[in-house]
C-alpha atoms as a PDB file:
ATOM      1  CA  UNK A   1     -11.660  26.853 -16.629  1.00  0.00           C
ATOM      2  CA  UNK A   2      -9.518  23.710 -16.344  1.00  0.00           C
ATOM      3  CA  UNK A   3      -6.128  23.854 -18.008  1.00  0.00           C
ATOM      4  CA  UNK A   4      -6.061  21.683 -21.135  1.00  0.00           C
ATOM      5  CA  UNK A   5      -4.649  18.255 -20.430  1.00  0.00           C
ATOM      6  CA  UNK A   6      -4.875  18.608 -16.660  1.00  0.00           C
ATOM      7  CA  UNK A   7      -7.307  16.299 -14.883  1.00  0.00           C
ATOM      8  CA  UNK A   8      -7.727  14.680 -11.484  1.00  0.00           C
ATOM      9  CA  UNK A   9      -5.798  11.530 -12.450  1.00  0.00           C
ATOM     10  CA  UNK A  10      -2.777  13.510 -13.657  1.00  0.00           C
ATOM     11  CA  UNK A  11      -2.831  15.744 -10.573  1.00  0.00           C
ATOM     12  CA  UNK A  12      -3.001  12.727  -8.243  1.00  0.00           C
ATOM     13  CA  UNK A  13      -0.279  10.908 -10.200  1.00  0.00           C
ATOM     14  CA  UNK A  14       2.029  13.920  -9.866  1.00  0.00           C
ATOM     15  CA  UNK A  15       1.320  14.063  -6.127  1.00  0.00           C
ATOM     16  CA  UNK A  16       2.043  10.323  -5.867  1.00  0.00           C
ATOM     17  CA  UNK A  17       5.414  10.777  -7.568  1.00  0.00           C
ATOM     18  CA  UNK A  18       6.318  13.550  -5.131  1.00  0.00           C
ATOM     19  CA  UNK A  19       5.144  11.442  -2.172  1.00  0.00           C
ATOM     20  CA  UNK A  20       7.242   8.481  -3.298  1.00  0.00           C
ATOM     21  CA  UNK A  21      10.351  10.580  -3.880  1.00  0.00           C
ATOM     22  CA  UNK A  22      10.167  12.935  -0.908  1.00  0.00           C
ATOM     23  CA  UNK A  23       7.453  11.780   1.491  1.00  0.00           C
ATOM     24  CA  UNK A  24       3.899  12.860   2.168  1.00  0.00           C
ATOM     25  CA  UNK A  25       4.932  16.103   3.856  1.00  0.00           C
ATOM     26  CA  UNK A  26       6.361  17.289   0.537  1.00  0.00           C
ATOM     27  CA  UNK A  27       2.972  16.938  -1.145  1.00  0.00           C
ATOM     28  CA  UNK A  28       1.418  20.387  -1.234  1.00  0.00           C
ATOM     29  CA  UNK A  29      -0.874  22.020  -3.737  1.00  0.00           C
ATOM     30  CA  UNK A  30       1.854  24.537  -4.532  1.00  0.00           C
ATOM     31  CA  UNK A  31       4.380  21.782  -5.203  1.00  0.00           C
ATOM     32  CA  UNK A  32       2.027  19.814  -7.448  1.00  0.00           C
ATOM     33  CA  UNK A  33       0.940  22.966  -9.282  1.00  0.00           C
ATOM     34  CA  UNK A  34       4.581  23.856  -9.916  1.00  0.00           C
ATOM     35  CA  UNK A  35       5.099  20.437 -11.513  1.00  0.00           C
ATOM     36  CA  UNK A  36       2.519  21.461 -14.128  1.00  0.00           C
ATOM     37  CA  UNK A  37       3.636  25.074 -14.424  1.00  0.00           C
ATOM     38  CA  UNK A  38       0.357  26.406 -13.046  1.00  0.00           C
ATOM     39  CA  UNK A  39      -0.713  28.267  -9.904  1.00  0.00           C
ATOM     40  CA  UNK A  40      -2.168  26.365  -6.913  1.00  0.00           C
ATOM     41  CA  UNK A  41      -5.732  27.672  -7.420  1.00  0.00           C
ATOM     42  CA  UNK A  42      -5.798  25.869 -10.796  1.00  0.00           C
ATOM     43  CA  UNK A  43      -5.739  22.545  -8.963  1.00  0.00           C
ATOM     44  CA  UNK A  44      -9.066  23.267  -7.267  1.00  0.00           C
ATOM     45  CA  UNK A  45     -10.689  22.394 -10.584  1.00  0.00           C
ATOM     46  CA  UNK A  46      -9.496  18.834  -9.941  1.00  0.00           C
ATOM     47  CA  UNK A  47      -9.110  18.357  -6.165  1.00  0.00           C
ATOM     48  CA  UNK A  48     -10.890  19.922  -3.201  1.00  0.00           C
ATOM     49  CA  UNK A  49      -7.641  20.632  -1.346  1.00  0.00           C
ATOM     50  CA  UNK A  50      -4.614  18.883   0.124  1.00  0.00           C
ATOM     51  CA  UNK A  51      -6.673  16.334   2.055  1.00  0.00           C
ATOM     52  CA  UNK A  52      -8.511  15.344  -1.114  1.00  0.00           C
ATOM     53  CA  UNK A  53      -5.213  15.180  -2.971  1.00  0.00           C
ATOM     54  CA  UNK A  54      -3.726  12.842  -0.344  1.00  0.00           C
ATOM     55  CA  UNK A  55      -6.925  10.787  -0.380  1.00  0.00           C
ATOM     56  CA  UNK A  56      -6.426  10.375  -4.136  1.00  0.00           C
ATOM     57  CA  UNK A  57      -2.829   9.255  -3.599  1.00  0.00           C
ATOM     58  CA  UNK A  58      -4.071   6.762  -0.999  1.00  0.00           C
ATOM     59  CA  UNK A  59      -6.698   5.375  -3.370  1.00  0.00           C
ATOM     60  CA  UNK A  60      -4.090   5.029  -6.098  1.00  0.00           C
ATOM     61  CA  UNK A  61      -1.765   3.213  -3.707  1.00  0.00           C
ATOM     62  CA  UNK A  62      -4.448   0.822  -2.486  1.00  0.00           C
ATOM     63  CA  UNK A  63      -5.504   0.055  -6.047  1.00  0.00           C
ATOM     64  CA  UNK A  64      -1.928  -0.616  -7.116  1.00  0.00           C
ATOM     65  CA  UNK A  65      -1.021  -2.755  -4.122  1.00  0.00           C
ATOM     66  CA  UNK A  66      -4.201  -4.810  -4.566  1.00  0.00           C
ATOM     67  CA  UNK A  67      -3.251  -5.408  -8.207  1.00  0.00           C
ATOM     68  CA  UNK A  68       0.317  -6.370  -7.238  1.00  0.00           C
ATOM     69  CA  UNK A  69      -0.939  -8.816  -4.595  1.00  0.00           C
ATOM     70  CA  UNK A  70      -3.518 -10.313  -6.988  1.00  0.00           C
ATOM     71  CA  UNK A  71      -0.841 -10.856  -9.613  1.00  0.00           C
ATOM     72  CA  UNK A  72       1.441 -12.514  -7.060  1.00  0.00           C
ATOM     73  CA  UNK A  73      -1.336 -14.749  -5.725  1.00  0.00           C
ATOM     74  CA  UNK A  74      -2.504 -16.141  -9.065  1.00  0.00           C
ATOM     75  CA  UNK A  75      -2.234 -19.923  -9.007  1.00  0.00           C
ATOM     76  CA  UNK A  76      -0.734 -19.994  -5.515  1.00  0.00           C
ATOM     77  CA  UNK A  77      -2.112 -20.972  -2.134  1.00  0.00           C
ATOM     78  CA  UNK A  78      -0.871 -21.799   1.330  1.00  0.00           C
ATOM     79  CA  UNK A  79       2.737 -21.017   2.122  1.00  0.00           C
ATOM     80  CA  UNK A  80       3.547 -20.433  -1.542  1.00  0.00           C
ATOM     81  CA  UNK A  81       0.805 -17.795  -1.779  1.00  0.00           C
ATOM     82  CA  UNK A  82       1.858 -16.203   1.494  1.00  0.00           C
ATOM     83  CA  UNK A  83       5.476 -15.963   0.333  1.00  0.00           C
ATOM     84  CA  UNK A  84       4.500 -14.574  -3.082  1.00  0.00           C
ATOM     85  CA  UNK A  85       2.122 -11.923  -1.749  1.00  0.00           C
ATOM     86  CA  UNK A  86       4.523 -10.898   1.022  1.00  0.00           C
ATOM     87  CA  UNK A  87       7.252 -10.407  -1.566  1.00  0.00           C
ATOM     88  CA  UNK A  88       4.925  -8.341  -3.748  1.00  0.00           C
ATOM     89  CA  UNK A  89       3.850  -6.290  -0.729  1.00  0.00           C
ATOM     90  CA  UNK A  90       7.473  -5.628   0.194  1.00  0.00           C
ATOM     91  CA  UNK A  91       8.441  -4.674  -3.346  1.00  0.00           C
ATOM     92  CA  UNK A  92       5.487  -2.328  -3.692  1.00  0.00           C
ATOM     93  CA  UNK A  93       6.187  -0.521  -0.424  1.00  0.00           C
ATOM     94  CA  UNK A  94       9.888  -0.115  -1.190  1.00  0.00           C
ATOM     95  CA  UNK A  95       9.097   1.230  -4.679  1.00  0.00           C
ATOM     96  CA  UNK A  96       6.151   3.427  -3.631  1.00  0.00           C
ATOM     97  CA  UNK A  97       6.559   4.463   0.005  1.00  0.00           C
ATOM     98  CA  UNK A  98       4.498   7.641  -0.328  1.00  0.00           C
ATOM     99  CA  UNK A  99       1.512   5.966  -1.967  1.00  0.00           C
ATOM    100  CA  UNK A 100       1.666   3.241   0.647  1.00  0.00           C
ATOM    101  CA  UNK A 101       1.803   5.720   3.515  1.00  0.00           C
ATOM    102  CA  UNK A 102      -1.142   7.656   2.097  1.00  0.00           C
ATOM    103  CA  UNK A 103      -3.469   4.676   1.815  1.00  0.00           C
ATOM    104  CA  UNK A 104      -2.482   1.486   3.505  1.00  0.00           C
ATOM    105  CA  UNK A 105      -1.370   2.408   6.997  1.00  0.00           C
ATOM    106  CA  UNK A 106      -4.502   3.795   8.653  1.00  0.00           C
ATOM    107  CA  UNK A 107      -8.010   2.417   8.463  1.00  0.00           C
ATOM    108  CA  UNK A 108     -10.196   4.427   6.094  1.00  0.00           C
ATOM    109  CA  UNK A 109     -12.972   6.683   7.331  1.00  0.00           C
ATOM    110  CA  UNK A 110     -16.080   4.552   7.856  1.00  0.00           C
ATOM    111  CA  UNK A 111     -18.040   7.080   5.755  1.00  0.00           C
ATOM    112  CA  UNK A 112     -15.746   6.830   2.715  1.00  0.00           C
ATOM    113  CA  UNK A 113     -17.169   3.985   0.643  1.00  0.00           C
ATOM    114  CA  UNK A 114     -14.534   4.324  -2.084  1.00  0.00           C
ATOM    115  CA  UNK A 115     -11.614   4.036   0.325  1.00  0.00           C
ATOM    116  CA  UNK A 116     -13.331   1.201   2.187  1.00  0.00           C
ATOM    117  CA  UNK A 117     -13.765  -0.705  -1.073  1.00  0.00           C
ATOM    118  CA  UNK A 118     -10.138  -0.119  -2.050  1.00  0.00           C
ATOM    119  CA  UNK A 119      -8.916  -1.389   1.320  1.00  0.00           C
ATOM    120  CA  UNK A 120     -11.268  -4.360   1.132  1.00  0.00           C
ATOM    121  CA  UNK A 121      -9.810  -5.287  -2.272  1.00  0.00           C
ATOM    122  CA  UNK A 122      -6.365  -5.625  -0.671  1.00  0.00           C
ATOM    123  CA  UNK A 123      -7.722  -7.709   2.195  1.00  0.00           C
ATOM    124  CA  UNK A 124      -9.758  -9.887  -0.185  1.00  0.00           C
ATOM    125  CA  UNK A 125      -6.590 -11.014  -1.942  1.00  0.00           C
ATOM    126  CA  UNK A 126      -4.992 -11.880   1.381  1.00  0.00           C
ATOM    127  CA  UNK A 127      -8.156 -13.659   2.547  1.00  0.00           C
ATOM    128  CA  UNK A 128      -7.915 -15.778  -0.595  1.00  0.00           C
ATOM    129  CA  UNK A 129      -4.339 -16.726   0.235  1.00  0.00           C
ATOM    130  CA  UNK A 130      -5.340 -17.615   3.806  1.00  0.00           C
ATOM    131  CA  UNK A 131      -8.287 -19.740   2.648  1.00  0.00           C
ATOM    132  CA  UNK A 132      -6.126 -22.844   2.332  1.00  0.00           C
ATOM    133  CA  UNK A 133      -5.710 -22.856   6.140  1.00  0.00           C
ATOM    134  CA  UNK A 134      -9.512 -23.175   6.629  1.00  0.00           C
ATOM    135  CA  UNK A 135      -9.633 -20.427   9.243  1.00  0.00           C
ATOM    136  CA  UNK A 136     -12.903 -19.208  10.719  1.00  0.00           C
ATOM    137  CA  UNK A 137     -13.667 -15.481  10.418  1.00  0.00           C
ATOM    138  CA  UNK A 138     -12.080 -14.472  13.729  1.00  0.00           C
ATOM    139  CA  UNK A 139      -8.929 -16.482  13.008  1.00  0.00           C
ATOM    140  CA  UNK A 140      -8.767 -14.964   9.527  1.00  0.00           C
ATOM    141  CA  UNK A 141      -8.850 -11.470  11.021  1.00  0.00           C
ATOM    142  CA  UNK A 142      -6.092 -12.401  13.473  1.00  0.00           C
ATOM    143  CA  UNK A 143      -4.027 -13.825  10.608  1.00  0.00           C
ATOM    144  CA  UNK A 144      -4.588 -10.710   8.465  1.00  0.00           C
ATOM    145  CA  UNK A 145      -3.460  -8.511  11.341  1.00  0.00           C
ATOM    146  CA  UNK A 146      -0.376 -10.642  11.936  1.00  0.00           C
ATOM    147  CA  UNK A 147       0.503 -10.607   8.230  1.00  0.00           C
ATOM    148  CA  UNK A 148       0.062  -6.844   7.861  1.00  0.00           C
ATOM    149  CA  UNK A 149       1.900  -6.096  11.108  1.00  0.00           C
ATOM    150  CA  UNK A 150       4.841  -8.342  10.307  1.00  0.00           C
ATOM    151  CA  UNK A 151       5.267  -7.274   6.693  1.00  0.00           C
ATOM    152  CA  UNK A 152       4.638  -3.592   7.405  1.00  0.00           C
ATOM    153  CA  UNK A 153       7.033  -3.625  10.338  1.00  0.00           C
ATOM    154  CA  UNK A 154       9.824  -5.319   8.427  1.00  0.00           C
ATOM    155  CA  UNK A 155       9.486  -3.161   5.326  1.00  0.00           C
ATOM    156  CA  UNK A 156       9.142   0.062   7.326  1.00  0.00           C
ATOM    157  CA  UNK A 157      12.349  -0.725   9.198  1.00  0.00           C
ATOM    158  CA  UNK A 158      14.059  -1.725   5.964  1.00  0.00           C
ATOM    159  CA  UNK A 159      13.016   1.458   4.161  1.00  0.00           C
ATOM    160  CA  UNK A 160      14.194   3.610   7.063  1.00  0.00           C
ATOM    161  CA  UNK A 161      17.598   1.887   7.183  1.00  0.00           C
ATOM    162  CA  UNK A 162      16.718   0.314  10.510  1.00  0.00           C
ATOM    163  CA  UNK A 163      18.564  -2.935   9.913  1.00  0.00           C
ATOM    164  CA  UNK A 164      22.221  -2.219  10.513  1.00  0.00           C
ATOM    165  CA  UNK A 165      23.546  -5.702  11.141  1.00  0.00           C
ATOM    166  CA  UNK A 166      25.487  -7.192   8.226  1.00  0.00           C
ATOM    167  CA  UNK A 167      23.197 -10.084   7.375  1.00  0.00           C
ATOM    168  CA  UNK A 168      21.140 -10.683   4.235  1.00  0.00           C
ATOM    169  CA  UNK A 169      17.777  -8.886   4.497  1.00  0.00           C
ATOM    170  CA  UNK A 170      16.173 -11.174   1.934  1.00  0.00           C
ATOM    171  CA  UNK A 171      16.994 -14.178   4.094  1.00  0.00           C
ATOM    172  CA  UNK A 172      15.556 -12.454   7.160  1.00  0.00           C
ATOM    173  CA  UNK A 173      12.387 -11.537   5.269  1.00  0.00           C
ATOM    174  CA  UNK A 174      12.024 -15.101   3.988  1.00  0.00           C
ATOM    175  CA  UNK A 175      12.332 -16.424   7.547  1.00  0.00           C
ATOM    176  CA  UNK A 176       9.718 -13.960   8.765  1.00  0.00           C
ATOM    177  CA  UNK A 177       7.185 -15.044   6.147  1.00  0.00           C
ATOM    178  CA  UNK A 178       7.883 -18.725   6.709  1.00  0.00           C
ATOM    179  CA  UNK A 179       7.464 -18.191  10.454  1.00  0.00           C
ATOM    180  CA  UNK A 180       4.009 -16.724   9.776  1.00  0.00           C
ATOM    181  CA  UNK A 181       3.163 -19.723   7.616  1.00  0.00           C
ATOM    182  CA  UNK A 182       4.413 -22.147  10.275  1.00  0.00           C
ATOM    183  CA  UNK A 183       2.257 -20.403  12.832  1.00  0.00           C
ATOM    184  CA  UNK A 184      -0.775 -20.905  10.622  1.00  0.00           C
ATOM    185  CA  UNK A 185       0.202 -24.538   9.997  1.00  0.00           C
ATOM    186  CA  UNK A 186       0.597 -25.251  13.705  1.00  0.00           C
ATOM    187  CA  UNK A 187      -2.473 -23.503  15.080  1.00  0.00           C
END
């Protein structure tokens, strides 16, 4: 019998909090169960195991990052949209590194329709931002890859303390995003 008040959403949310605070390796069934004061087997009423738990964290992360990007993109296009969504992407990753790592780094399993749809929602927002450059499908894919690679790379280095030189990171990030926009403008 499921413990009163415990459901899949709460279990996944607790795992997401642990992932954000301590990394994905810290997310175990025992650790999440302890957060609720229950034994690990109780969680099997809500998740199929650790892989399913991490999948849930990934889905949550993709859903949240898509919402953050959509909010940032509203009423913006071109360079302005690129700058706004890149800033939202950066903020989300820095605030929720575990959720991001669980869902947005690797391509979802081709058999997992729910994860595919969640990933597509993120890309759809970015496709909308890129629309003002009138790219064909292949060029759009190249631009999406460049955007994700550049933003992911910068934020991953930033989160890991990889930028040791004493120069404003915000200014560097702004230059990176504007360089992407200039590349799209000059293609």
